[in-house]
């Protein structure tokens, strides 16, 4: 089969022929039809210190996908060949304290699909049956391919009730834009999104942002005045990993405000803990998706609202056949795009 893989240490990837993976008794084999590019894949291509510590070469990368089951293991009962599916990319141990308590997204032994084991940038991928999410047959394949990042956005955005709240989102990458769509769908009063990319700010506007802020020229306080806000934002969703964005978010939160942080910074940075304490601000770190409550929530949103569905679809800006993977990676790395999809059909 075709597979986009890291075959040796160092920068770069290769589209190579690899043997098709075999399916165990508690696994399913999936024919990949679409796959989404993620910032993680860019790190693996670049071969930074983090990538070097994670991968087991030669290894196929990729963890966001949609496809069709072609084989179900002998012990699999609820899934069958022909089912349309995506996969949860975090494979958990099942026996640590968090797993046994139903908090599988907090497993201390998580294995990442396409990071620690062969992934989905290939004609076929094999995953455990408990990691499979079955879609209705009428799902748009492109939307099916982005359930992983949509899940990140859903997990982050729905930490607290949104109805009637003023919401600030820092970072208009694909997940930040998806979070804007979710906040609007969930009943937010105002949704403001910040970034330094005009292209991505326009994507945020199309996804449902009421106001977008170019942080190079405009302050968040200006957006508050534009909206007639007098007490600050109620909820902050931090998607950028930028210390300056976090600092400005804290400056513009109401007393008792809540922040959900998904964006990963490159290193440690200072936080005004005095403001956090005196303003009684809650800060919560977010990683991945709740298995599988987040999946139920995003599935329900997509199938209950055509408007929400179109806002999510608007975040997908580029589609490439698998053979043009290098062009797809260059596009994703440019930052002048939304979500990039590889077509493996």
C-alpha atoms as a PDB file:
ATOM      1  CA  UNK A   1       0.000   0.000   0.000  1.00  0.00           C
ATOM      2  CA  UNK A   2       0.954   3.681  -0.254  1.00  0.00           C
ATOM      3  CA  UNK A   3       2.134   5.226   3.002  1.00  0.00           C
ATOM      4  CA  UNK A   4       3.544   8.627   3.920  1.00  0.00           C
ATOM      5  CA  UNK A   5       6.273   7.718   6.357  1.00  0.00           C
ATOM      6  CA  UNK A   6       9.352   8.798   8.238  1.00  0.00           C
ATOM      7  CA  UNK A   7      11.905   6.188   7.207  1.00  0.00           C
ATOM      8  CA  UNK A   8      15.056   7.597   8.806  1.00  0.00           C
ATOM      9  CA  UNK A   9      16.013  10.262  11.377  1.00  0.00           C
ATOM     10  CA  UNK A  10      16.084  13.839  10.135  1.00  0.00           C
ATOM     11  CA  UNK A  11      13.781  16.242   8.326  1.00  0.00           C
ATOM     12  CA  UNK A  12      11.510  14.982   5.579  1.00  0.00           C
ATOM     13  CA  UNK A  13       8.947  12.318   4.716  1.00  0.00           C
ATOM     14  CA  UNK A  14       8.605   9.792   1.897  1.00  0.00           C
ATOM     15  CA  UNK A  15       5.603   8.357   0.092  1.00  0.00           C
ATOM     16  CA  UNK A  16       6.597   4.685  -0.028  1.00  0.00           C
ATOM     17  CA  UNK A  17       5.204   1.182  -0.488  1.00  0.00           C
ATOM     18  CA  UNK A  18       4.611  -0.606   2.816  1.00  0.00           C
ATOM     19  CA  UNK A  19       2.897  -3.904   3.606  1.00  0.00           C
ATOM     20  CA  UNK A  20      -0.775  -3.579   4.498  1.00  0.00           C
ATOM     21  CA  UNK A  21      -1.305  -3.787   8.272  1.00  0.00           C
ATOM     22  CA  UNK A  22      -2.870  -6.930   9.694  1.00  0.00           C
ATOM     23  CA  UNK A  23      -6.034  -6.875  11.794  1.00  0.00           C
ATOM     24  CA  UNK A  24      -6.072  -8.446  15.268  1.00  0.00           C
ATOM     25  CA  UNK A  25      -9.081 -10.032  16.964  1.00  0.00           C
ATOM     26  CA  UNK A  26     -10.077  -6.781  18.748  1.00  0.00           C
ATOM     27  CA  UNK A  27      -9.143  -4.434  15.908  1.00  0.00           C
ATOM     28  CA  UNK A  28     -10.576  -3.120  12.655  1.00  0.00           C
ATOM     29  CA  UNK A  29      -8.844  -2.449   9.354  1.00  0.00           C
ATOM     30  CA  UNK A  30      -9.972   0.734   7.630  1.00  0.00           C
ATOM     31  CA  UNK A  31      -9.553   1.891   4.038  1.00  0.00           C
ATOM     32  CA  UNK A  32      -8.558   5.538   4.428  1.00  0.00           C
ATOM     33  CA  UNK A  33     -10.482   7.911   2.141  1.00  0.00           C
ATOM     34  CA  UNK A  34      -9.641  11.337   3.612  1.00  0.00           C
ATOM     35  CA  UNK A  35      -7.051  12.532   6.116  1.00  0.00           C
ATOM     36  CA  UNK A  36      -6.501  15.899   7.761  1.00  0.00           C
ATOM     37  CA  UNK A  37      -3.157  17.625   8.253  1.00  0.00           C
ATOM     38  CA  UNK A  38      -2.324  18.735  11.802  1.00  0.00           C
ATOM     39  CA  UNK A  39       0.435  20.832  13.334  1.00  0.00           C
ATOM     40  CA  UNK A  40       1.703  17.615  14.919  1.00  0.00           C
ATOM     41  CA  UNK A  41       2.379  16.218  11.432  1.00  0.00           C
ATOM     42  CA  UNK A  42       4.471  19.293  10.616  1.00  0.00           C
ATOM     43  CA  UNK A  43       6.579  18.690  13.730  1.00  0.00           C
ATOM     44  CA  UNK A  44       7.114  15.069  12.730  1.00  0.00           C
ATOM     45  CA  UNK A  45       8.166  16.122   9.236  1.00  0.00           C
ATOM     46  CA  UNK A  46      10.620  18.664  10.641  1.00  0.00           C
ATOM     47  CA  UNK A  47      12.075  16.112  13.102  1.00  0.00           C
ATOM     48  CA  UNK A  48      12.457  18.371  16.118  1.00  0.00           C
ATOM     49  CA  UNK A  49      13.538  17.047  19.528  1.00  0.00           C
ATOM     50  CA  UNK A  50       9.965  16.169  20.440  1.00  0.00           C
ATOM     51  CA  UNK A  51       9.457  14.143  17.251  1.00  0.00           C
ATOM     52  CA  UNK A  52      12.750  12.305  17.728  1.00  0.00           C
ATOM     53  CA  UNK A  53      11.635  11.227  21.209  1.00  0.00           C
ATOM     54  CA  UNK A  54       8.222   9.959  20.058  1.00  0.00           C
ATOM     55  CA  UNK A  55       8.616   8.018  16.821  1.00  0.00           C
ATOM     56  CA  UNK A  56       9.598   4.408  16.116  1.00  0.00           C
ATOM     57  CA  UNK A  57      11.079   4.319  12.616  1.00  0.00           C
ATOM     58  CA  UNK A  58      10.117   3.421   9.983  1.00  0.00           C
ATOM     59  CA  UNK A  59       6.667   4.778  10.814  1.00  0.00           C
ATOM     60  CA  UNK A  60       3.624   5.997   8.934  1.00  0.00           C
ATOM     61  CA  UNK A  61       2.318   9.302  10.303  1.00  0.00           C
ATOM     62  CA  UNK A  62      -1.154  10.902  10.445  1.00  0.00           C
ATOM     63  CA  UNK A  63      -4.010  10.708  12.967  1.00  0.00           C
ATOM     64  CA  UNK A  64      -7.031  12.567  11.515  1.00  0.00           C
ATOM     65  CA  UNK A  65      -9.039  10.461   9.068  1.00  0.00           C
ATOM     66  CA  UNK A  66     -12.262   9.152   7.614  1.00  0.00           C
ATOM     67  CA  UNK A  67     -12.660   5.823   5.858  1.00  0.00           C
ATOM     68  CA  UNK A  68     -14.499   2.544   5.384  1.00  0.00           C
ATOM     69  CA  UNK A  69     -14.020  -0.640   7.365  1.00  0.00           C
ATOM     70  CA  UNK A  70     -12.717  -3.456   5.181  1.00  0.00           C
ATOM     71  CA  UNK A  71     -12.078  -6.038   7.921  1.00  0.00           C
ATOM     72  CA  UNK A  72     -13.285  -6.545  11.479  1.00  0.00           C
ATOM     73  CA  UNK A  73     -11.429  -8.762  13.947  1.00  0.00           C
ATOM     74  CA  UNK A  74     -12.858 -12.049  15.178  1.00  0.00           C
ATOM     75  CA  UNK A  75     -14.019 -10.542  18.503  1.00  0.00           C
ATOM     76  CA  UNK A  76     -15.611  -7.413  16.986  1.00  0.00           C
ATOM     77  CA  UNK A  77     -19.401  -7.514  17.140  1.00  0.00           C
ATOM     78  CA  UNK A  78     -20.773  -3.993  16.706  1.00  0.00           C
ATOM     79  CA  UNK A  79     -18.889  -2.984  13.537  1.00  0.00           C
ATOM     80  CA  UNK A  80     -18.739  -4.568  10.101  1.00  0.00           C
ATOM     81  CA  UNK A  81     -17.098  -4.084   6.688  1.00  0.00           C
ATOM     82  CA  UNK A  82     -18.691  -1.204   4.830  1.00  0.00           C
ATOM     83  CA  UNK A  83     -19.221   0.971   7.912  1.00  0.00           C
ATOM     84  CA  UNK A  84     -18.060   4.569   7.521  1.00  0.00           C
ATOM     85  CA  UNK A  85     -15.843   5.587  10.414  1.00  0.00           C
ATOM     86  CA  UNK A  86     -13.298   7.924  11.941  1.00  0.00           C
ATOM     87  CA  UNK A  87     -10.909   7.057  14.739  1.00  0.00           C
ATOM     88  CA  UNK A  88      -9.988   8.456  18.143  1.00  0.00           C
ATOM     89  CA  UNK A  89      -6.233   8.928  17.837  1.00  0.00           C
ATOM     90  CA  UNK A  90      -5.432   8.458  21.541  1.00  0.00           C
ATOM     91  CA  UNK A  91      -5.077   4.779  22.377  1.00  0.00           C
ATOM     92  CA  UNK A  92      -5.303   4.249  26.135  1.00  0.00           C
ATOM     93  CA  UNK A  93      -4.238   1.505  28.523  1.00  0.00           C
ATOM     94  CA  UNK A  94      -7.638   0.768  30.099  1.00  0.00           C
ATOM     95  CA  UNK A  95      -6.255  -0.041  33.556  1.00  0.00           C
ATOM     96  CA  UNK A  96      -4.684   3.089  35.056  1.00  0.00           C
ATOM     97  CA  UNK A  97      -6.752   4.949  37.660  1.00  0.00           C
ATOM     98  CA  UNK A  98      -8.111   7.494  35.171  1.00  0.00           C
ATOM     99  CA  UNK A  99      -9.107   4.856  32.608  1.00  0.00           C
ATOM    100  CA  UNK A 100     -10.903   2.796  35.245  1.00  0.00           C
ATOM    101  CA  UNK A 101     -12.703   5.919  36.474  1.00  0.00           C
ATOM    102  CA  UNK A 102     -13.994   6.673  32.959  1.00  0.00           C
ATOM    103  CA  UNK A 103     -11.509   9.496  32.343  1.00  0.00           C
ATOM    104  CA  UNK A 104      -9.783   7.835  29.420  1.00  0.00           C
ATOM    105  CA  UNK A 105      -8.684  11.162  27.922  1.00  0.00           C
ATOM    106  CA  UNK A 106      -6.453  11.495  31.028  1.00  0.00           C
ATOM    107  CA  UNK A 107      -4.771   8.089  30.642  1.00  0.00           C
ATOM    108  CA  UNK A 108      -1.168   8.215  31.854  1.00  0.00           C
ATOM    109  CA  UNK A 109      -0.035   5.707  29.200  1.00  0.00           C
ATOM    110  CA  UNK A 110      -1.659   7.209  26.100  1.00  0.00           C
ATOM    111  CA  UNK A 111      -0.239   6.081  22.746  1.00  0.00           C
ATOM    112  CA  UNK A 112      -0.732   8.471  19.839  1.00  0.00           C
ATOM    113  CA  UNK A 113      -1.818   7.180  16.441  1.00  0.00           C
ATOM    114  CA  UNK A 114       0.674   8.385  13.849  1.00  0.00           C
ATOM    115  CA  UNK A 115       2.985   9.638  16.601  1.00  0.00           C
ATOM    116  CA  UNK A 116       3.957   6.552  18.596  1.00  0.00           C
ATOM    117  CA  UNK A 117       2.597   3.924  16.179  1.00  0.00           C
ATOM    118  CA  UNK A 118       1.707   3.690  12.479  1.00  0.00           C
ATOM    119  CA  UNK A 119      -0.940   6.212  11.495  1.00  0.00           C
ATOM    120  CA  UNK A 120      -3.492   6.991   8.828  1.00  0.00           C
ATOM    121  CA  UNK A 121      -1.539   8.683   6.023  1.00  0.00           C
ATOM    122  CA  UNK A 122      -1.808   5.465   4.075  1.00  0.00           C
ATOM    123  CA  UNK A 123      -4.273   3.386   2.112  1.00  0.00           C
ATOM    124  CA  UNK A 124      -5.092   1.342   5.232  1.00  0.00           C
ATOM    125  CA  UNK A 125      -4.878   1.815   8.987  1.00  0.00           C
ATOM    126  CA  UNK A 126      -5.618  -0.592  11.839  1.00  0.00           C
ATOM    127  CA  UNK A 127      -6.927   0.639  15.204  1.00  0.00           C
ATOM    128  CA  UNK A 128      -8.505  -0.978  18.293  1.00  0.00           C
ATOM    129  CA  UNK A 129     -12.258  -1.433  18.058  1.00  0.00           C
ATOM    130  CA  UNK A 130     -12.832   0.835  21.078  1.00  0.00           C
ATOM    131  CA  UNK A 131     -11.208   3.723  19.174  1.00  0.00           C
ATOM    132  CA  UNK A 132     -13.610   3.578  16.221  1.00  0.00           C
ATOM    133  CA  UNK A 133     -16.378   6.141  15.760  1.00  0.00           C
ATOM    134  CA  UNK A 134     -19.122   5.020  13.363  1.00  0.00           C
ATOM    135  CA  UNK A 135     -20.706   7.735  11.191  1.00  0.00           C
ATOM    136  CA  UNK A 136     -24.098   7.835   9.505  1.00  0.00           C
ATOM    137  CA  UNK A 137     -23.771   6.803   5.870  1.00  0.00           C
ATOM    138  CA  UNK A 138     -24.556  10.334   4.661  1.00  0.00           C
ATOM    139  CA  UNK A 139     -21.616  12.008   6.425  1.00  0.00           C
ATOM    140  CA  UNK A 140     -19.524  14.323   4.248  1.00  0.00           C
ATOM    141  CA  UNK A 141     -16.114  12.543   3.981  1.00  0.00           C
ATOM    142  CA  UNK A 142     -14.248  15.833   4.477  1.00  0.00           C
ATOM    143  CA  UNK A 143     -16.152  16.500   7.703  1.00  0.00           C
ATOM    144  CA  UNK A 144     -15.543  12.948   8.832  1.00  0.00           C
ATOM    145  CA  UNK A 145     -11.820  13.540   8.394  1.00  0.00           C
ATOM    146  CA  UNK A 146     -11.747  16.470  10.841  1.00  0.00           C
ATOM    147  CA  UNK A 147     -13.591  14.935  13.798  1.00  0.00           C
ATOM    148  CA  UNK A 148     -10.272  14.922  15.682  1.00  0.00           C
ATOM    149  CA  UNK A 149      -9.663  18.721  15.554  1.00  0.00           C
ATOM    150  CA  UNK A 150     -13.403  19.417  15.784  1.00  0.00           C
ATOM    151  CA  UNK A 151     -13.293  17.310  18.932  1.00  0.00           C
ATOM    152  CA  UNK A 152     -10.441  19.416  20.335  1.00  0.00           C
ATOM    153  CA  UNK A 153     -12.483  22.554  19.685  1.00  0.00           C
ATOM    154  CA  UNK A 154     -15.633  21.009  21.189  1.00  0.00           C
ATOM    155  CA  UNK A 155     -13.829  19.761  24.298  1.00  0.00           C
ATOM    156  CA  UNK A 156     -12.341  23.230  24.820  1.00  0.00           C
ATOM    157  CA  UNK A 157     -15.375  25.356  24.002  1.00  0.00           C
ATOM    158  CA  UNK A 158     -17.940  23.406  26.015  1.00  0.00           C
ATOM    159  CA  UNK A 159     -16.122  23.397  29.342  1.00  0.00           C
ATOM    160  CA  UNK A 160     -18.699  25.848  30.712  1.00  0.00           C
ATOM    161  CA  UNK A 161     -22.221  26.918  29.712  1.00  0.00           C
ATOM    162  CA  UNK A 162     -22.059  29.359  26.786  1.00  0.00           C
ATOM    163  CA  UNK A 163     -25.616  30.726  26.699  1.00  0.00           C
ATOM    164  CA  UNK A 164     -25.575  34.518  26.932  1.00  0.00           C
ATOM    165  CA  UNK A 165     -21.834  34.700  27.612  1.00  0.00           C
ATOM    166  CA  UNK A 166     -19.224  36.949  25.999  1.00  0.00           C
ATOM    167  CA  UNK A 167     -16.518  34.678  24.580  1.00  0.00           C
ATOM    168  CA  UNK A 168     -12.946  35.574  23.616  1.00  0.00           C
ATOM    169  CA  UNK A 169     -10.922  33.174  21.432  1.00  0.00           C
ATOM    170  CA  UNK A 170      -7.192  33.851  21.007  1.00  0.00           C
ATOM    171  CA  UNK A 171      -5.835  32.144  17.901  1.00  0.00           C
ATOM    172  CA  UNK A 172      -7.693  31.732  14.592  1.00  0.00           C
ATOM    173  CA  UNK A 173      -6.099  28.537  13.398  1.00  0.00           C
ATOM    174  CA  UNK A 174      -8.486  25.789  12.293  1.00  0.00           C
ATOM    175  CA  UNK A 175      -9.342  24.798  15.878  1.00  0.00           C
ATOM    176  CA  UNK A 176      -9.910  28.407  16.943  1.00  0.00           C
ATOM    177  CA  UNK A 177     -12.250  28.920  13.995  1.00  0.00           C
ATOM    178  CA  UNK A 178     -14.107  25.701  14.807  1.00  0.00           C
ATOM    179  CA  UNK A 179     -14.437  26.918  18.401  1.00  0.00           C
ATOM    180  CA  UNK A 180     -16.053  30.133  17.130  1.00  0.00           C
ATOM    181  CA  UNK A 181     -18.668  28.073  15.276  1.00  0.00           C
ATOM    182  CA  UNK A 182     -19.307  25.994  18.399  1.00  0.00           C
ATOM    183  CA  UNK A 183     -19.631  29.058  20.650  1.00  0.00           C
ATOM    184  CA  UNK A 184     -22.235  30.583  18.342  1.00  0.00           C
ATOM    185  CA  UNK A 185     -24.111  27.294  18.086  1.00  0.00           C
ATOM    186  CA  UNK A 186     -24.068  26.942  21.889  1.00  0.00           C
ATOM    187  CA  UNK A 187     -25.707  30.339  22.422  1.00  0.00           C
ATOM    188  CA  UNK A 188     -22.868  32.770  23.150  1.00  0.00           C
ATOM    189  CA  UNK A 189     -23.856  36.445  23.236  1.00  0.00           C
ATOM    190  CA  UNK A 190     -20.703  37.738  21.525  1.00  0.00           C
ATOM    191  CA  UNK A 191     -17.771  35.838  20.009  1.00  0.00           C
ATOM    192  CA  UNK A 192     -14.493  37.693  19.446  1.00  0.00           C
ATOM    193  CA  UNK A 193     -11.474  36.042  17.792  1.00  0.00           C
ATOM    194  CA  UNK A 194      -7.902  37.377  17.688  1.00  0.00           C
ATOM    195  CA  UNK A 195      -4.947  36.492  15.468  1.00  0.00           C
ATOM    196  CA  UNK A 196      -2.140  38.135  13.488  1.00  0.00           C
ATOM    197  CA  UNK A 197      -3.131  36.566  10.132  1.00  0.00           C
ATOM    198  CA  UNK A 198      -5.695  38.479   8.036  1.00  0.00           C
ATOM    199  CA  UNK A 199      -6.520  35.293   6.109  1.00  0.00           C
ATOM    200  CA  UNK A 200      -7.269  33.345   9.250  1.00  0.00           C
ATOM    201  CA  UNK A 201      -9.283  36.179  10.748  1.00  0.00           C
ATOM    202  CA  UNK A 202     -11.520  36.085   7.675  1.00  0.00           C
ATOM    203  CA  UNK A 203     -11.957  32.339   8.221  1.00  0.00           C
ATOM    204  CA  UNK A 204     -12.953  33.052  11.823  1.00  0.00           C
ATOM    205  CA  UNK A 205     -15.523  35.564  10.616  1.00  0.00           C
ATOM    206  CA  UNK A 206     -16.970  32.999   8.188  1.00  0.00           C
ATOM    207  CA  UNK A 207     -17.088  30.442  11.015  1.00  0.00           C
ATOM    208  CA  UNK A 208     -19.242  32.723  13.161  1.00  0.00           C
ATOM    209  CA  UNK A 209     -17.090  35.328  14.922  1.00  0.00           C
ATOM    210  CA  UNK A 210     -18.969  38.577  15.587  1.00  0.00           C
ATOM    211  CA  UNK A 211     -15.756  40.603  15.730  1.00  0.00           C
ATOM    212  CA  UNK A 212     -12.201  39.720  14.698  1.00  0.00           C
ATOM    213  CA  UNK A 213      -9.144  41.485  16.082  1.00  0.00           C
ATOM    214  CA  UNK A 214      -5.802  41.787  14.308  1.00  0.00           C
ATOM    215  CA  UNK A 215      -3.490  41.780  17.313  1.00  0.00           C
ATOM    216  CA  UNK A 216      -0.779  43.609  15.368  1.00  0.00           C
ATOM    217  CA  UNK A 217      -2.877  46.778  15.132  1.00  0.00           C
ATOM    218  CA  UNK A 218      -5.888  46.510  17.459  1.00  0.00           C
ATOM    219  CA  UNK A 219      -6.459  45.739  21.115  1.00  0.00           C
ATOM    220  CA  UNK A 220      -9.067  43.445  22.602  1.00  0.00           C
ATOM    221  CA  UNK A 221     -10.326  46.370  24.670  1.00  0.00           C
ATOM    222  CA  UNK A 222     -11.266  48.080  21.388  1.00  0.00           C
ATOM    223  CA  UNK A 223     -13.478  45.105  20.520  1.00  0.00           C
ATOM    224  CA  UNK A 224     -15.175  45.401  23.896  1.00  0.00           C
ATOM    225  CA  UNK A 225     -15.999  49.035  23.214  1.00  0.00           C
ATOM    226  CA  UNK A 226     -17.234  48.169  19.727  1.00  0.00           C
ATOM    227  CA  UNK A 227     -19.667  45.644  21.227  1.00  0.00           C
ATOM    228  CA  UNK A 228     -20.741  47.896  24.072  1.00  0.00           C
ATOM    229  CA  UNK A 229     -19.276  45.565  26.704  1.00  0.00           C
ATOM    230  CA  UNK A 230     -18.556  47.101  30.114  1.00  0.00           C
ATOM    231  CA  UNK A 231     -17.493  44.217  32.345  1.00  0.00           C
ATOM    232  CA  UNK A 232     -15.080  42.076  30.329  1.00  0.00           C
ATOM    233  CA  UNK A 233     -15.350  38.630  28.768  1.00  0.00           C
ATOM    234  CA  UNK A 234     -16.925  35.754  30.656  1.00  0.00           C
ATOM    235  CA  UNK A 235     -15.117  32.907  28.886  1.00  0.00           C
ATOM    236  CA  UNK A 236     -11.698  32.725  27.224  1.00  0.00           C
ATOM    237  CA  UNK A 237     -10.603  29.974  24.838  1.00  0.00           C
ATOM    238  CA  UNK A 238      -6.821  30.086  24.370  1.00  0.00           C
ATOM    239  CA  UNK A 239      -5.798  28.424  21.088  1.00  0.00           C
ATOM    240  CA  UNK A 240      -2.602  30.284  20.147  1.00  0.00           C
ATOM    241  CA  UNK A 241       0.079  29.214  22.624  1.00  0.00           C
ATOM    242  CA  UNK A 242       1.307  32.835  22.507  1.00  0.00           C
ATOM    243  CA  UNK A 243       2.263  34.366  25.886  1.00  0.00           C
ATOM    244  CA  UNK A 244       1.178  37.838  24.740  1.00  0.00           C
ATOM    245  CA  UNK A 245      -2.277  36.514  23.832  1.00  0.00           C
ATOM    246  CA  UNK A 246      -2.689  34.926  27.261  1.00  0.00           C
ATOM    247  CA  UNK A 247      -1.626  38.157  28.995  1.00  0.00           C
ATOM    248  CA  UNK A 248      -4.110  40.243  27.018  1.00  0.00           C
ATOM    249  CA  UNK A 249      -6.865  37.701  27.593  1.00  0.00           C
ATOM    250  CA  UNK A 250      -6.347  37.947  31.352  1.00  0.00           C
ATOM    251  CA  UNK A 251      -6.496  41.737  31.129  1.00  0.00           C
ATOM    252  CA  UNK A 252      -9.902  41.571  29.431  1.00  0.00           C
ATOM    253  CA  UNK A 253     -11.716  38.945  31.502  1.00  0.00           C
ATOM    254  CA  UNK A 254     -14.510  39.787  33.892  1.00  0.00           C
ATOM    255  CA  UNK A 255     -14.161  38.892  37.581  1.00  0.00           C
ATOM    256  CA  UNK A 256     -14.947  35.197  37.852  1.00  0.00           C
ATOM    257  CA  UNK A 257     -13.987  34.609  34.228  1.00  0.00           C
ATOM    258  CA  UNK A 258     -13.020  31.151  33.004  1.00  0.00           C
ATOM    259  CA  UNK A 259     -10.239  30.170  30.585  1.00  0.00           C
ATOM    260  CA  UNK A 260      -9.847  26.862  28.755  1.00  0.00           C
ATOM    261  CA  UNK A 261      -6.303  26.507  27.376  1.00  0.00           C
ATOM    262  CA  UNK A 262      -5.603  24.247  24.391  1.00  0.00           C
ATOM    263  CA  UNK A 263      -2.773  26.074  22.588  1.00  0.00           C
ATOM    264  CA  UNK A 264       0.664  24.624  23.336  1.00  0.00           C
ATOM    265  CA  UNK A 265       3.425  27.202  23.985  1.00  0.00           C
ATOM    266  CA  UNK A 266       7.027  26.695  22.883  1.00  0.00           C
ATOM    267  CA  UNK A 267       8.254  27.205  26.449  1.00  0.00           C
ATOM    268  CA  UNK A 268       7.397  28.513  29.917  1.00  0.00           C
ATOM    269  CA  UNK A 269       6.080  32.060  30.270  1.00  0.00           C
ATOM    270  CA  UNK A 270       4.960  34.425  33.016  1.00  0.00           C
ATOM    271  CA  UNK A 271       1.326  34.790  34.117  1.00  0.00           C
ATOM    272  CA  UNK A 272      -0.049  37.621  36.236  1.00  0.00           C
ATOM    273  CA  UNK A 273      -1.085  35.412  39.137  1.00  0.00           C
ATOM    274  CA  UNK A 274      -2.124  38.437  41.155  1.00  0.00           C
ATOM    275  CA  UNK A 275      -4.849  39.154  38.617  1.00  0.00           C
ATOM    276  CA  UNK A 276      -5.836  35.467  38.494  1.00  0.00           C
ATOM    277  CA  UNK A 277      -6.276  35.437  42.271  1.00  0.00           C
ATOM    278  CA  UNK A 278      -7.928  38.813  42.846  1.00  0.00           C
ATOM    279  CA  UNK A 279     -10.235  38.410  39.829  1.00  0.00           C
ATOM    280  CA  UNK A 280     -11.066  34.810  40.848  1.00  0.00           C
ATOM    281  CA  UNK A 281     -10.238  33.496  37.367  1.00  0.00           C
ATOM    282  CA  UNK A 282     -10.413  29.773  36.615  1.00  0.00           C
ATOM    283  CA  UNK A 283      -7.773  28.358  34.250  1.00  0.00           C
ATOM    284  CA  UNK A 284      -8.191  24.817  32.911  1.00  0.00           C
ATOM    285  CA  UNK A 285      -5.831  22.914  30.617  1.00  0.00           C
ATOM    286  CA  UNK A 286      -7.422  20.894  27.806  1.00  0.00           C
ATOM    287  CA  UNK A 287      -5.944  17.958  25.911  1.00  0.00           C
ATOM    288  CA  UNK A 288      -7.575  15.867  23.206  1.00  0.00           C
ATOM    289  CA  UNK A 289     -11.196  14.822  23.470  1.00  0.00           C
ATOM    290  CA  UNK A 290     -13.328  13.174  26.152  1.00  0.00           C
ATOM    291  CA  UNK A 291     -13.827   9.601  25.044  1.00  0.00           C
ATOM    292  CA  UNK A 292     -16.476   9.496  23.783  1.00  0.00           C
ATOM    293  CA  UNK A 293     -18.751  12.184  25.161  1.00  0.00           C
ATOM    294  CA  UNK A 294     -17.060  14.828  22.990  1.00  0.00           C
ATOM    295  CA  UNK A 295     -17.720  12.696  19.906  1.00  0.00           C
ATOM    296  CA  UNK A 296     -21.425  12.448  20.725  1.00  0.00           C
ATOM    297  CA  UNK A 297     -21.626  16.216  21.174  1.00  0.00           C
ATOM    298  CA  UNK A 298     -19.984  17.133  17.877  1.00  0.00           C
ATOM    299  CA  UNK A 299     -21.942  14.465  16.012  1.00  0.00           C
ATOM    300  CA  UNK A 300     -25.189  15.917  17.419  1.00  0.00           C
ATOM    301  CA  UNK A 301     -24.218  19.492  16.505  1.00  0.00           C
ATOM    302  CA  UNK A 302     -23.287  18.568  12.933  1.00  0.00           C
ATOM    303  CA  UNK A 303     -26.506  16.670  12.315  1.00  0.00           C
ATOM    304  CA  UNK A 304     -28.870  19.101  14.041  1.00  0.00           C
ATOM    305  CA  UNK A 305     -27.886  22.370  12.351  1.00  0.00           C
ATOM    306  CA  UNK A 306     -27.175  23.013   8.649  1.00  0.00           C
ATOM    307  CA  UNK A 307     -25.784  26.437   9.601  1.00  0.00           C
ATOM    308  CA  UNK A 308     -23.286  24.906  12.015  1.00  0.00           C
ATOM    309  CA  UNK A 309     -22.362  22.275   9.444  1.00  0.00           C
ATOM    310  CA  UNK A 310     -21.592  24.911   6.819  1.00  0.00           C
ATOM    311  CA  UNK A 311     -19.553  26.966   9.282  1.00  0.00           C
ATOM    312  CA  UNK A 312     -17.467  23.906  10.073  1.00  0.00           C
ATOM    313  CA  UNK A 313     -17.060  23.096   6.389  1.00  0.00           C
ATOM    314  CA  UNK A 314     -15.863  26.668   5.723  1.00  0.00           C
ATOM    315  CA  UNK A 315     -12.749  25.981   7.833  1.00  0.00           C
ATOM    316  CA  UNK A 316     -11.569  23.437   5.214  1.00  0.00           C
ATOM    317  CA  UNK A 317      -9.775  25.529   2.597  1.00  0.00           C
ATOM    318  CA  UNK A 318      -7.479  23.149   0.686  1.00  0.00           C
ATOM    319  CA  UNK A 319      -7.756  19.612  -0.638  1.00  0.00           C
ATOM    320  CA  UNK A 320      -4.911  17.642  -2.271  1.00  0.00           C
ATOM    321  CA  UNK A 321      -4.550  14.107  -3.635  1.00  0.00           C
ATOM    322  CA  UNK A 322      -2.178  12.036  -1.512  1.00  0.00           C
ATOM    323  CA  UNK A 323       0.521  12.158  -4.195  1.00  0.00           C
ATOM    324  CA  UNK A 324       0.728  15.945  -3.720  1.00  0.00           C
ATOM    325  CA  UNK A 325       1.441  15.589  -0.015  1.00  0.00           C
ATOM    326  CA  UNK A 326       4.504  17.891  -0.136  1.00  0.00           C
ATOM    327  CA  UNK A 327       2.398  20.733  -1.537  1.00  0.00           C
ATOM    328  CA  UNK A 328      -0.214  20.076   1.136  1.00  0.00           C
ATOM    329  CA  UNK A 329       2.410  20.290   3.894  1.00  0.00           C
ATOM    330  CA  UNK A 330       3.827  23.521   2.456  1.00  0.00           C
ATOM    331  CA  UNK A 331       0.328  25.003   2.362  1.00  0.00           C
ATOM    332  CA  UNK A 332      -0.373  24.022   5.966  1.00  0.00           C
ATOM    333  CA  UNK A 333       2.973  25.401   7.128  1.00  0.00           C
ATOM    334  CA  UNK A 334       2.379  28.740   5.385  1.00  0.00           C
ATOM    335  CA  UNK A 335      -0.373  29.642   7.843  1.00  0.00           C
ATOM    336  CA  UNK A 336      -2.356  31.215   4.996  1.00  0.00           C
ATOM    337  CA  UNK A 337      -5.022  28.534   5.049  1.00  0.00           C
ATOM    338  CA  UNK A 338      -7.554  26.753   7.184  1.00  0.00           C
ATOM    339  CA  UNK A 339      -7.756  22.987   7.371  1.00  0.00           C
ATOM    340  CA  UNK A 340      -5.874  20.995   4.705  1.00  0.00           C
ATOM    341  CA  UNK A 341      -7.234  17.612   3.575  1.00  0.00           C
ATOM    342  CA  UNK A 342      -5.415  14.761   1.806  1.00  0.00           C
ATOM    343  CA  UNK A 343      -7.568  12.586  -0.476  1.00  0.00           C
ATOM    344  CA  UNK A 344      -6.505   8.899  -0.304  1.00  0.00           C
ATOM    345  CA  UNK A 345      -9.492   7.522  -2.220  1.00  0.00           C
END
